[in-house]
Every structure is written in C-alpha cells, then in structure tokens.
Amino acid sequence: MLAFLLVLCALGVLTGCLPPSEKDLAAIDYAPKRLDDGWEIATPEAEGVDPDLVARLYYSAARMETLRGLVVIKNGRLIAEGYFNDGSIIQTARLQSVTKSFTSALVGIAIEQGLLASVNQRMLEFYPEIAEMITDPRKHEITIQQLLQMRAGYPWEETHPDLWAGLLSGHYPRLIEHFPLVDDPGTEFHYSNLT
C-alpha cells in the first residue's frame, strides 16, 4: 500500500504532491506515537524502507483534506504514524466497510486452516440458537459466500430508521430474523452492514 501511494504521489495523482524541499522533508515528524497498544515499533530503515520516501508520503498526506491519519506497518512493526485535519491517535470513526474487508480475509484464513468447510456453509449453522425462530425459509438457504458478496437479500439499513436503530443496538443474531429480506438470497447486491 505504501508503494502504491508513493507511486500515485510521484505521478501527481494525489493532491498535495508538489515536490517538497529538503527543509520541508526534514521537518516531517512521522515517528510512531503508540507505546502501550502492543505494536512493536521500528524505524523505516530497520524494515528496509527508504525514510525519504516515507517523509514524502507524510508531506503529501498532510495536504489531503479528507485524510485524518496514516499509519505505516512493515513486517508487523509500526514504522510511521501521523495525524492530519484534526485527526488524532484517540479519534474513532465508524469502520463497518473496513471491517468487511478484514472479515472476508479472515474467512479465507479460516477455510485454509480447516476451521470452516467452505463458503457454501449456511449462515444458520453458526446460529443454532435462533435457527428454529426463523420463519422466512429463504434465510435457511443463505450461505457464507452470499454474505461475503452482500447478496444475502438483507436490505441496506439506512433505507429505514428502524433498521438503522436495530443495527446500532449491537444485538445482531436477533436481527437475522427481524430484518426482512428484500430479495431472494444470491440474486441481488444490497450494501448491508448486518450482512
């Protein structure tokens, strides 16, 4: 990812990528600030990354209006960290979409390690405590693959305030039954945080 951002910057695709002076680069502080959260800290040099490129990345990142923070990890070690536009180390944000990406990667790892048989397993195999409460027979057919593809048939929660409130409640298993399907599983894409 770091290399990709650096290439975009070098090509001028990212805004704020005007070449910095040596003085500008020397003033960039990207030293990691985390000390008690379990990350091992290292320098870019120790992990084989050119510190000049990291400084250029942070120089450009500081000029992007929508970027709040940038953390660079290499070989499992934190090598750079910086915050911009009122961002901070303690600022939190909704992360549903990024969580979806991690979840799909973890499903792949679970299959590789034999913890899941395949993406064709049915959702309700993992919720036996509510399976008998499900009255819509289509919900018994929903697979992990359909969940990962957002083709389970559940609606986008922001289409109705009750759906959004249910999602924010954090009690997801009961929502499997309470949220109505708007399409048959596997047929249509619907962005869905519950899915």
N, C-alpha and C. Protein backbone atom coordinates (compact mmCIF):
# COMPACT_ATOMS: atom_id res chain seq x y z
N MET A 1 0.83 -1.19 0.00
CA MET A 1 0.00 0.00 0.00
C MET A 1 0.88 1.25 0.00
N LEU A 2 1.92 1.24 0.80
CA LEU A 2 2.82 2.39 0.86
C LEU A 2 3.40 2.66 -0.52
N ALA A 3 3.87 1.61 -1.19
CA ALA A 3 4.46 1.79 -2.52
C ALA A 3 3.42 2.34 -3.49
N PHE A 4 2.18 1.86 -3.40
CA PHE A 4 1.12 2.33 -4.28
C PHE A 4 0.86 3.82 -4.06
N LEU A 5 0.78 4.25 -2.80
CA LEU A 5 0.56 5.67 -2.50
C LEU A 5 1.72 6.52 -2.99
N LEU A 6 2.92 6.00 -2.83
CA LEU A 6 4.09 6.76 -3.28
C LEU A 6 4.09 6.91 -4.80
N VAL A 7 3.69 5.87 -5.52
CA VAL A 7 3.62 5.96 -6.98
C VAL A 7 2.56 6.98 -7.39
N LEU A 8 1.39 6.92 -6.75
CA LEU A 8 0.34 7.90 -7.07
C LEU A 8 0.82 9.32 -6.82
N CYS A 9 1.55 9.50 -5.74
CA CYS A 9 2.08 10.82 -5.42
C CYS A 9 3.09 11.25 -6.47
N ALA A 10 3.98 10.36 -6.81
CA ALA A 10 5.02 10.69 -7.78
C ALA A 10 4.42 11.03 -9.14
N LEU A 11 3.30 10.38 -9.48
CA LEU A 11 2.65 10.64 -10.75
C LEU A 11 1.75 11.88 -10.69
N GLY A 12 1.61 12.44 -9.51
CA GLY A 12 0.78 13.64 -9.35
C GLY A 12 -0.71 13.34 -9.28
N VAL A 13 -1.08 12.06 -9.07
CA VAL A 13 -2.49 11.70 -8.99
C VAL A 13 -3.09 12.18 -7.68
N LEU A 14 -2.34 12.05 -6.59
CA LEU A 14 -2.81 12.54 -5.30
C LEU A 14 -2.59 14.04 -5.21
N THR A 15 -3.57 14.71 -4.61
CA THR A 15 -3.42 16.15 -4.44
C THR A 15 -2.35 16.44 -3.40
N GLY A 16 -1.77 17.60 -3.47
CA GLY A 16 -0.77 17.99 -2.50
C GLY A 16 0.56 17.30 -2.70
N CYS A 17 0.86 16.87 -3.89
CA CYS A 17 2.09 16.12 -4.14
C CYS A 17 3.16 16.99 -4.79
N LEU A 18 3.12 18.27 -4.54
CA LEU A 18 4.19 19.12 -5.07
C LEU A 18 5.49 18.69 -4.41
N PRO A 19 6.57 18.72 -5.14
CA PRO A 19 7.83 18.27 -4.56
C PRO A 19 8.23 19.10 -3.34
N PRO A 20 8.47 18.46 -2.24
CA PRO A 20 8.90 19.18 -1.04
C PRO A 20 10.39 19.53 -1.12
N SER A 21 10.74 20.58 -0.42
CA SER A 21 12.16 20.94 -0.33
C SER A 21 12.81 20.03 0.71
N GLU A 22 14.13 20.03 0.74
CA GLU A 22 14.85 19.24 1.75
C GLU A 22 14.49 19.73 3.15
N LYS A 23 14.29 21.03 3.30
CA LYS A 23 13.89 21.61 4.59
C LYS A 23 12.51 21.10 4.99
N ASP A 24 11.58 21.04 4.01
CA ASP A 24 10.24 20.53 4.29
C ASP A 24 10.31 19.09 4.78
N LEU A 25 11.11 18.28 4.08
CA LEU A 25 11.21 16.86 4.45
C LEU A 25 11.84 16.67 5.82
N ALA A 26 12.82 17.49 6.13
CA ALA A 26 13.50 17.38 7.43
C ALA A 26 12.56 17.71 8.58
N ALA A 27 11.53 18.53 8.31
CA ALA A 27 10.59 18.96 9.35
C ALA A 27 9.47 17.95 9.58
N ILE A 28 9.35 16.94 8.73
CA ILE A 28 8.27 15.97 8.85
C ILE A 28 8.54 15.04 10.03
N ASP A 29 7.55 14.95 10.93
CA ASP A 29 7.65 14.04 12.07
C ASP A 29 6.65 12.91 11.87
N TYR A 30 7.15 11.76 11.54
CA TYR A 30 6.28 10.60 11.36
C TYR A 30 6.63 9.50 12.36
N ALA A 31 7.36 9.86 13.40
CA ALA A 31 7.76 8.87 14.41
C ALA A 31 6.51 8.28 15.06
N PRO A 32 6.46 6.97 15.23
CA PRO A 32 5.30 6.34 15.87
C PRO A 32 5.06 6.90 17.27
N LYS A 33 3.79 7.06 17.60
CA LYS A 33 3.40 7.62 18.89
C LYS A 33 2.80 6.58 19.82
N ARG A 34 2.52 5.40 19.32
CA ARG A 34 1.90 4.35 20.13
C ARG A 34 2.96 3.68 20.99
N LEU A 35 2.65 3.53 22.25
CA LEU A 35 3.62 2.90 23.14
C LEU A 35 3.04 1.73 23.91
N ASP A 36 1.72 1.76 24.18
CA ASP A 36 1.14 0.75 25.07
C ASP A 36 0.06 -0.10 24.41
N ASP A 37 0.05 -0.18 23.10
CA ASP A 37 -1.03 -0.93 22.46
C ASP A 37 -0.56 -2.23 21.81
N GLY A 38 0.64 -2.65 22.13
CA GLY A 38 1.11 -3.94 21.65
C GLY A 38 1.89 -3.92 20.35
N TRP A 39 1.93 -2.80 19.66
CA TRP A 39 2.70 -2.73 18.42
C TRP A 39 4.18 -2.65 18.73
N GLU A 40 4.95 -3.47 18.06
CA GLU A 40 6.40 -3.33 18.12
C GLU A 40 6.76 -2.17 17.20
N ILE A 41 7.62 -1.29 17.66
CA ILE A 41 7.99 -0.10 16.91
C ILE A 41 9.38 -0.27 16.31
N ALA A 42 9.52 0.18 15.07
CA ALA A 42 10.81 0.13 14.39
C ALA A 42 10.94 1.38 13.53
N THR A 43 12.08 1.56 12.94
CA THR A 43 12.29 2.67 12.02
C THR A 43 12.10 2.17 10.59
N PRO A 44 11.83 3.08 9.66
CA PRO A 44 11.73 2.66 8.26
C PRO A 44 13.01 1.95 7.81
N GLU A 45 14.16 2.51 8.16
CA GLU A 45 15.44 1.92 7.74
C GLU A 45 15.58 0.48 8.22
N ALA A 46 15.20 0.24 9.47
CA ALA A 46 15.32 -1.10 10.04
C ALA A 46 14.46 -2.12 9.31
N GLU A 47 13.40 -1.64 8.66
CA GLU A 47 12.49 -2.54 7.95
C GLU A 47 12.67 -2.46 6.44
N GLY A 48 13.76 -1.84 5.99
CA GLY A 48 14.07 -1.81 4.57
C GLY A 48 13.27 -0.81 3.76
N VAL A 49 12.81 0.25 4.40
CA VAL A 49 12.04 1.28 3.70
C VAL A 49 12.85 2.57 3.70
N ASP A 50 12.91 3.22 2.57
CA ASP A 50 13.63 4.49 2.42
C ASP A 50 12.93 5.58 3.24
N PRO A 51 13.58 6.14 4.27
CA PRO A 51 12.94 7.16 5.10
C PRO A 51 12.58 8.42 4.31
N ASP A 52 13.31 8.70 3.24
CA ASP A 52 12.98 9.86 2.41
C ASP A 52 11.61 9.67 1.74
N LEU A 53 11.34 8.45 1.30
CA LEU A 53 10.03 8.16 0.70
C LEU A 53 8.91 8.27 1.72
N VAL A 54 9.17 7.81 2.94
CA VAL A 54 8.16 7.91 4.00
C VAL A 54 7.91 9.38 4.31
N ALA A 55 8.96 10.19 4.41
CA ALA A 55 8.78 11.62 4.66
C ALA A 55 7.97 12.26 3.54
N ARG A 56 8.25 11.90 2.30
CA ARG A 56 7.49 12.44 1.16
C ARG A 56 6.01 12.03 1.24
N LEU A 57 5.77 10.79 1.64
CA LEU A 57 4.40 10.32 1.80
C LEU A 57 3.66 11.16 2.83
N TYR A 58 4.28 11.40 3.99
CA TYR A 58 3.63 12.17 5.04
C TYR A 58 3.51 13.65 4.67
N TYR A 59 4.45 14.15 3.92
CA TYR A 59 4.35 15.53 3.41
C TYR A 59 3.09 15.65 2.56
N SER A 60 2.90 14.71 1.66
CA SER A 60 1.73 14.73 0.77
C SER A 60 0.44 14.45 1.54
N ALA A 61 0.49 13.51 2.46
CA ALA A 61 -0.70 13.15 3.24
C ALA A 61 -1.22 14.35 4.03
N ALA A 62 -0.33 15.16 4.56
CA ALA A 62 -0.72 16.32 5.35
C ALA A 62 -1.48 17.35 4.52
N ARG A 63 -1.39 17.25 3.22
CA ARG A 63 -2.06 18.20 2.33
C ARG A 63 -3.38 17.67 1.77
N MET A 64 -3.76 16.48 2.16
CA MET A 64 -5.02 15.90 1.70
C MET A 64 -6.12 16.27 2.68
N GLU A 65 -7.14 16.94 2.19
CA GLU A 65 -8.19 17.49 3.06
C GLU A 65 -9.01 16.44 3.80
N THR A 66 -9.16 15.27 3.24
CA THR A 66 -10.04 14.27 3.85
C THR A 66 -9.30 13.22 4.66
N LEU A 67 -8.00 13.27 4.69
CA LEU A 67 -7.22 12.28 5.43
C LEU A 67 -7.07 12.71 6.88
N ARG A 68 -7.37 11.81 7.80
CA ARG A 68 -7.28 12.11 9.23
C ARG A 68 -6.04 11.49 9.87
N GLY A 69 -5.59 10.38 9.34
CA GLY A 69 -4.44 9.71 9.93
C GLY A 69 -3.84 8.72 8.95
N LEU A 70 -2.56 8.45 9.15
CA LEU A 70 -1.85 7.50 8.30
C LEU A 70 -0.85 6.74 9.17
N VAL A 71 -0.97 5.42 9.17
CA VAL A 71 -0.09 4.55 9.93
C VAL A 71 0.56 3.60 8.94
N VAL A 72 1.87 3.44 9.03
CA VAL A 72 2.60 2.53 8.13
C VAL A 72 3.17 1.39 8.96
N ILE A 73 2.83 0.17 8.53
CA ILE A 73 3.29 -1.03 9.20
C ILE A 73 4.06 -1.88 8.19
N LYS A 74 5.23 -2.33 8.57
CA LYS A 74 6.03 -3.19 7.70
C LYS A 74 6.56 -4.32 8.55
N ASN A 75 6.41 -5.54 8.06
CA ASN A 75 6.88 -6.73 8.78
C ASN A 75 6.30 -6.81 10.19
N GLY A 76 5.05 -6.37 10.35
CA GLY A 76 4.39 -6.43 11.65
C GLY A 76 4.87 -5.38 12.64
N ARG A 77 5.64 -4.42 12.18
CA ARG A 77 6.15 -3.37 13.07
C ARG A 77 5.65 -2.01 12.60
N LEU A 78 5.32 -1.17 13.56
CA LEU A 78 4.88 0.18 13.27
C LEU A 78 6.11 1.03 12.97
N ILE A 79 6.17 1.59 11.74
CA ILE A 79 7.36 2.36 11.37
C ILE A 79 7.08 3.84 11.15
N ALA A 80 5.81 4.21 11.02
CA ALA A 80 5.48 5.62 10.83
C ALA A 80 4.04 5.86 11.22
N GLU A 81 3.77 7.08 11.70
CA GLU A 81 2.44 7.42 12.16
C GLU A 81 2.28 8.93 12.13
N GLY A 82 1.15 9.40 11.66
CA GLY A 82 0.88 10.84 11.64
C GLY A 82 -0.60 11.11 11.53
N TYR A 83 -1.03 12.28 12.02
CA TYR A 83 -2.44 12.67 12.04
C TYR A 83 -2.59 14.06 11.44
N PHE A 84 -3.72 14.26 10.76
CA PHE A 84 -3.94 15.47 9.98
C PHE A 84 -5.39 15.92 10.12
N ASN A 85 -5.65 17.18 9.80
CA ASN A 85 -7.02 17.70 9.72
C ASN A 85 -7.85 17.36 10.96
N ASP A 86 -7.34 17.68 12.09
CA ASP A 86 -7.99 17.44 13.38
C ASP A 86 -8.07 15.96 13.76
N GLY A 87 -7.38 15.09 13.04
CA GLY A 87 -7.31 13.69 13.42
C GLY A 87 -6.37 13.54 14.60
N SER A 88 -6.53 12.45 15.33
CA SER A 88 -5.65 12.21 16.47
C SER A 88 -5.58 10.71 16.76
N ILE A 89 -4.66 10.34 17.59
CA ILE A 89 -4.47 8.94 17.94
C ILE A 89 -5.69 8.39 18.68
N ILE A 90 -6.47 9.24 19.33
CA ILE A 90 -7.63 8.77 20.09
C ILE A 90 -8.95 8.94 19.33
N GLN A 91 -8.90 9.52 18.15
CA GLN A 91 -10.11 9.71 17.38
C GLN A 91 -10.62 8.37 16.86
N THR A 92 -11.91 8.16 16.98
CA THR A 92 -12.52 6.95 16.46
C THR A 92 -13.44 7.30 15.30
N ALA A 93 -13.70 6.34 14.49
CA ALA A 93 -14.59 6.53 13.35
C ALA A 93 -15.32 5.22 13.08
N ARG A 94 -16.45 5.33 12.41
CA ARG A 94 -17.18 4.12 12.02
C ARG A 94 -16.33 3.35 11.01
N LEU A 95 -16.22 2.06 11.24
CA LEU A 95 -15.32 1.25 10.41
C LEU A 95 -16.01 0.07 9.75
N GLN A 96 -17.32 0.15 9.54
CA GLN A 96 -18.02 -1.01 9.01
C GLN A 96 -17.37 -1.52 7.72
N SER A 97 -17.10 -0.65 6.79
CA SER A 97 -16.60 -1.10 5.49
C SER A 97 -15.24 -1.76 5.59
N VAL A 98 -14.36 -1.19 6.37
CA VAL A 98 -13.04 -1.81 6.52
C VAL A 98 -13.16 -3.13 7.27
N THR A 99 -14.11 -3.21 8.18
CA THR A 99 -14.33 -4.45 8.91
C THR A 99 -14.78 -5.55 7.96
N LYS A 100 -15.56 -5.20 6.96
CA LYS A 100 -16.00 -6.18 5.97
C LYS A 100 -14.79 -6.77 5.24
N SER A 101 -13.82 -5.96 4.92
CA SER A 101 -12.63 -6.45 4.23
C SER A 101 -11.84 -7.40 5.12
N PHE A 102 -11.69 -7.05 6.39
CA PHE A 102 -10.98 -7.92 7.32
C PHE A 102 -11.74 -9.24 7.50
N THR A 103 -13.07 -9.14 7.60
CA THR A 103 -13.88 -10.34 7.78
C THR A 103 -13.71 -11.29 6.61
N SER A 104 -13.74 -10.77 5.39
CA SER A 104 -13.58 -11.65 4.23
C SER A 104 -12.20 -12.30 4.22
N ALA A 105 -11.18 -11.56 4.61
CA ALA A 105 -9.84 -12.14 4.68
C ALA A 105 -9.79 -13.22 5.76
N LEU A 106 -10.43 -12.98 6.89
CA LEU A 106 -10.44 -13.97 7.97
C LEU A 106 -11.21 -15.23 7.58
N VAL A 107 -12.25 -15.08 6.77
CA VAL A 107 -12.97 -16.26 6.28
C VAL A 107 -12.03 -17.12 5.44
N GLY A 108 -11.26 -16.47 4.55
CA GLY A 108 -10.29 -17.22 3.75
C GLY A 108 -9.27 -17.94 4.61
N ILE A 109 -8.78 -17.27 5.65
CA ILE A 109 -7.82 -17.90 6.56
C ILE A 109 -8.47 -19.07 7.30
N ALA A 110 -9.72 -18.88 7.75
CA ALA A 110 -10.42 -19.94 8.47
C ALA A 110 -10.63 -21.17 7.58
N ILE A 111 -10.92 -20.95 6.31
CA ILE A 111 -11.07 -22.08 5.39
C ILE A 111 -9.73 -22.77 5.19
N GLU A 112 -8.68 -21.97 4.99
CA GLU A 112 -7.34 -22.53 4.80
C GLU A 112 -6.90 -23.37 6.00
N GLN A 113 -7.28 -22.94 7.20
CA GLN A 113 -6.89 -23.65 8.42
C GLN A 113 -7.87 -24.76 8.80
N GLY A 114 -8.90 -24.96 7.98
CA GLY A 114 -9.86 -26.02 8.26
C GLY A 114 -10.89 -25.69 9.32
N LEU A 115 -10.99 -24.43 9.71
CA LEU A 115 -11.97 -24.03 10.72
C LEU A 115 -13.36 -23.85 10.12
N LEU A 116 -13.43 -23.57 8.84
CA LEU A 116 -14.67 -23.55 8.07
C LEU A 116 -14.51 -24.54 6.93
N ALA A 117 -15.61 -25.21 6.58
CA ALA A 117 -15.53 -26.18 5.49
C ALA A 117 -15.43 -25.48 4.14
N SER A 118 -16.28 -24.48 3.93
CA SER A 118 -16.26 -23.75 2.66
C SER A 118 -17.19 -22.54 2.77
N VAL A 119 -17.18 -21.73 1.74
CA VAL A 119 -18.08 -20.57 1.71
C VAL A 119 -19.51 -21.00 1.40
N ASN A 120 -19.72 -22.27 1.12
CA ASN A 120 -21.06 -22.77 0.84
C ASN A 120 -21.81 -23.19 2.11
N GLN A 121 -21.16 -23.08 3.26
CA GLN A 121 -21.85 -23.38 4.52
C GLN A 121 -22.97 -22.36 4.72
N ARG A 122 -24.04 -22.82 5.32
CA ARG A 122 -25.20 -21.96 5.55
C ARG A 122 -25.01 -21.11 6.81
N MET A 123 -25.48 -19.88 6.72
CA MET A 123 -25.36 -18.92 7.81
C MET A 123 -25.90 -19.48 9.12
N LEU A 124 -27.06 -20.13 9.07
CA LEU A 124 -27.71 -20.56 10.31
C LEU A 124 -27.00 -21.72 11.00
N GLU A 125 -26.02 -22.35 10.34
CA GLU A 125 -25.19 -23.35 11.02
C GLU A 125 -24.44 -22.70 12.19
N PHE A 126 -24.21 -21.40 12.09
CA PHE A 126 -23.44 -20.68 13.11
C PHE A 126 -24.33 -20.02 14.16
N TYR A 127 -25.64 -20.12 13.96
CA TYR A 127 -26.60 -19.54 14.91
C TYR A 127 -27.69 -20.56 15.24
N PRO A 128 -27.32 -21.74 15.77
CA PRO A 128 -28.33 -22.76 16.04
C PRO A 128 -29.37 -22.30 17.07
N GLU A 129 -28.99 -21.38 17.93
CA GLU A 129 -29.90 -20.91 18.96
C GLU A 129 -31.08 -20.11 18.40
N ILE A 130 -30.97 -19.62 17.17
CA ILE A 130 -32.08 -18.87 16.59
C ILE A 130 -32.66 -19.53 15.35
N ALA A 131 -32.05 -20.61 14.90
CA ALA A 131 -32.48 -21.25 13.64
C ALA A 131 -33.96 -21.62 13.67
N GLU A 132 -34.46 -22.12 14.79
CA GLU A 132 -35.87 -22.52 14.86
C GLU A 132 -36.82 -21.33 14.87
N MET A 133 -36.32 -20.15 15.20
CA MET A 133 -37.17 -18.95 15.22
C MET A 133 -37.34 -18.34 13.84
N ILE A 134 -36.52 -18.74 12.89
CA ILE A 134 -36.55 -18.16 11.55
C ILE A 134 -37.79 -18.65 10.82
N THR A 135 -38.64 -17.73 10.43
CA THR A 135 -39.88 -18.09 9.74
C THR A 135 -39.78 -17.95 8.23
N ASP A 136 -38.86 -17.14 7.75
CA ASP A 136 -38.68 -17.00 6.31
C ASP A 136 -37.76 -18.12 5.84
N PRO A 137 -38.28 -19.09 5.07
CA PRO A 137 -37.45 -20.24 4.67
C PRO A 137 -36.24 -19.85 3.83
N ARG A 138 -36.27 -18.71 3.16
CA ARG A 138 -35.13 -18.27 2.36
C ARG A 138 -33.90 -18.02 3.23
N LYS A 139 -34.11 -17.62 4.46
CA LYS A 139 -32.99 -17.33 5.36
C LYS A 139 -32.22 -18.59 5.72
N HIS A 140 -32.86 -19.75 5.64
CA HIS A 140 -32.18 -21.01 5.91
C HIS A 140 -31.22 -21.37 4.78
N GLU A 141 -31.36 -20.72 3.64
CA GLU A 141 -30.53 -21.02 2.47
C GLU A 141 -29.32 -20.08 2.33
N ILE A 142 -29.26 -19.01 3.11
CA ILE A 142 -28.18 -18.02 2.99
C ILE A 142 -26.83 -18.66 3.32
N THR A 143 -25.87 -18.47 2.43
CA THR A 143 -24.53 -19.05 2.61
C THR A 143 -23.52 -17.97 3.01
N ILE A 144 -22.37 -18.43 3.48
CA ILE A 144 -21.27 -17.51 3.78
C ILE A 144 -20.89 -16.72 2.54
N GLN A 145 -20.85 -17.40 1.40
CA GLN A 145 -20.49 -16.71 0.15
C GLN A 145 -21.47 -15.58 -0.15
N GLN A 146 -22.75 -15.82 0.01
CA GLN A 146 -23.74 -14.77 -0.24
C GLN A 146 -23.57 -13.61 0.74
N LEU A 147 -23.23 -13.92 1.98
CA LEU A 147 -22.97 -12.86 2.96
C LEU A 147 -21.75 -12.03 2.53
N LEU A 148 -20.68 -12.71 2.14
CA LEU A 148 -19.47 -12.00 1.72
C LEU A 148 -19.70 -11.15 0.48
N GLN A 149 -20.57 -11.60 -0.40
CA GLN A 149 -20.87 -10.86 -1.63
C GLN A 149 -21.98 -9.83 -1.45
N MET A 150 -22.53 -9.75 -0.24
CA MET A 150 -23.68 -8.89 0.06
C MET A 150 -24.85 -9.21 -0.86
N ARG A 151 -25.05 -10.50 -1.04
CA ARG A 151 -26.17 -11.00 -1.86
C ARG A 151 -27.06 -11.92 -1.02
N ALA A 152 -27.13 -11.66 0.28
CA ALA A 152 -27.96 -12.48 1.16
C ALA A 152 -29.43 -12.10 1.08
N GLY A 153 -29.72 -10.92 0.56
CA GLY A 153 -31.11 -10.47 0.45
C GLY A 153 -31.52 -9.47 1.50
N TYR A 154 -30.65 -9.22 2.48
CA TYR A 154 -30.97 -8.23 3.51
C TYR A 154 -30.86 -6.82 2.93
N PRO A 155 -31.65 -5.88 3.45
CA PRO A 155 -31.63 -4.51 2.92
C PRO A 155 -30.49 -3.68 3.49
N TRP A 156 -30.24 -2.56 2.83
CA TRP A 156 -29.33 -1.55 3.35
C TRP A 156 -30.03 -0.90 4.53
N GLU A 157 -29.39 -0.87 5.67
CA GLU A 157 -30.03 -0.40 6.91
C GLU A 157 -30.46 1.06 6.84
N GLU A 158 -29.78 1.86 6.06
CA GLU A 158 -30.10 3.29 6.03
C GLU A 158 -31.37 3.58 5.23
N THR A 159 -32.03 2.54 4.70
CA THR A 159 -33.29 2.77 3.98
C THR A 159 -34.47 2.95 4.94
N HIS A 160 -34.29 2.61 6.21
CA HIS A 160 -35.38 2.75 7.17
C HIS A 160 -34.81 2.98 8.57
N PRO A 161 -35.35 3.96 9.32
CA PRO A 161 -34.80 4.27 10.65
C PRO A 161 -34.82 3.09 11.61
N ASP A 162 -35.84 2.23 11.54
CA ASP A 162 -35.89 1.07 12.45
C ASP A 162 -34.76 0.09 12.17
N LEU A 163 -34.42 -0.08 10.89
CA LEU A 163 -33.31 -0.96 10.55
C LEU A 163 -32.00 -0.40 11.08
N TRP A 164 -31.80 0.91 10.91
CA TRP A 164 -30.58 1.55 11.38
C TRP A 164 -30.47 1.45 12.89
N ALA A 165 -31.58 1.71 13.60
CA ALA A 165 -31.58 1.62 15.06
C ALA A 165 -31.27 0.19 15.50
N GLY A 166 -31.82 -0.79 14.79
CA GLY A 166 -31.54 -2.18 15.12
C GLY A 166 -30.07 -2.51 14.97
N LEU A 167 -29.49 -2.03 13.89
CA LEU A 167 -28.07 -2.29 13.66
C LEU A 167 -27.22 -1.65 14.75
N LEU A 168 -27.55 -0.44 15.14
CA LEU A 168 -26.78 0.26 16.17
C LEU A 168 -26.97 -0.36 17.55
N SER A 169 -28.01 -1.18 17.72
CA SER A 169 -28.25 -1.82 19.02
C SER A 169 -27.15 -2.82 19.37
N GLY A 170 -26.51 -3.39 18.35
CA GLY A 170 -25.44 -4.35 18.59
C GLY A 170 -25.91 -5.77 18.85
N HIS A 171 -27.20 -6.02 18.82
CA HIS A 171 -27.74 -7.37 19.06
C HIS A 171 -28.02 -8.04 17.74
N TYR A 172 -26.98 -8.45 17.05
CA TYR A 172 -27.10 -8.92 15.68
C TYR A 172 -27.85 -10.23 15.48
N PRO A 173 -27.64 -11.27 16.29
CA PRO A 173 -28.35 -12.52 16.00
C PRO A 173 -29.87 -12.36 15.89
N ARG A 174 -30.48 -11.58 16.75
CA ARG A 174 -31.93 -11.41 16.65
C ARG A 174 -32.33 -10.65 15.39
N LEU A 175 -31.42 -9.85 14.85
CA LEU A 175 -31.73 -9.10 13.63
C LEU A 175 -31.80 -10.00 12.41
N ILE A 176 -31.14 -11.16 12.49
CA ILE A 176 -31.19 -12.12 11.38
C ILE A 176 -32.65 -12.46 11.07
N GLU A 177 -33.47 -12.62 12.10
CA GLU A 177 -34.89 -12.89 11.89
C GLU A 177 -35.68 -11.60 11.67
N HIS A 178 -35.42 -10.58 12.47
CA HIS A 178 -36.26 -9.38 12.43
C HIS A 178 -36.10 -8.55 11.16
N PHE A 179 -34.93 -8.54 10.57
CA PHE A 179 -34.75 -7.78 9.33
C PHE A 179 -35.35 -8.59 8.18
N PRO A 180 -36.25 -7.99 7.42
CA PRO A 180 -36.86 -8.73 6.31
C PRO A 180 -35.90 -8.81 5.12
N LEU A 181 -36.02 -9.87 4.36
CA LEU A 181 -35.26 -9.96 3.10
C LEU A 181 -36.01 -9.14 2.05
N VAL A 182 -35.25 -8.42 1.24
CA VAL A 182 -35.85 -7.65 0.15
C VAL A 182 -35.67 -8.34 -1.19
N ASP A 183 -34.86 -9.39 -1.22
CA ASP A 183 -34.64 -10.21 -2.41
C ASP A 183 -34.29 -11.61 -1.98
N ASP A 184 -34.45 -12.56 -2.90
CA ASP A 184 -34.03 -13.92 -2.62
C ASP A 184 -32.51 -13.97 -2.48
N PRO A 185 -31.99 -14.76 -1.55
CA PRO A 185 -30.54 -14.88 -1.39
C PRO A 185 -29.86 -15.25 -2.70
N GLY A 186 -28.74 -14.60 -2.95
CA GLY A 186 -27.93 -14.89 -4.13
C GLY A 186 -28.34 -14.17 -5.39
N THR A 187 -29.41 -13.37 -5.34
CA THR A 187 -29.89 -12.76 -6.58
C THR A 187 -29.45 -11.32 -6.80
N GLU A 188 -29.49 -10.49 -5.77
CA GLU A 188 -29.20 -9.06 -5.93
C GLU A 188 -28.20 -8.60 -4.87
N PHE A 189 -27.40 -7.60 -5.24
CA PHE A 189 -26.45 -6.98 -4.31
C PHE A 189 -27.18 -5.89 -3.52
N HIS A 190 -27.04 -5.92 -2.22
CA HIS A 190 -27.53 -4.85 -1.35
C HIS A 190 -26.45 -4.57 -0.30
N TYR A 191 -25.93 -3.35 -0.29
CA TYR A 191 -24.94 -2.98 0.73
C TYR A 191 -25.62 -3.13 2.07
N SER A 192 -25.07 -3.95 2.94
CA SER A 192 -25.72 -4.25 4.22
C SER A 192 -24.67 -4.50 5.29
N ASN A 193 -24.73 -3.69 6.33
CA ASN A 193 -23.79 -3.86 7.44
C ASN A 193 -24.13 -5.13 8.21
N LEU A 194 -25.41 -5.47 8.36
CA LEU A 194 -25.79 -6.70 9.03
C LEU A 194 -25.21 -7.90 8.28
N THR A 195 -25.31 -7.89 6.97
CA THR A 195 -24.75 -8.97 6.18
C THR A 195 -23.28 -9.12 6.47
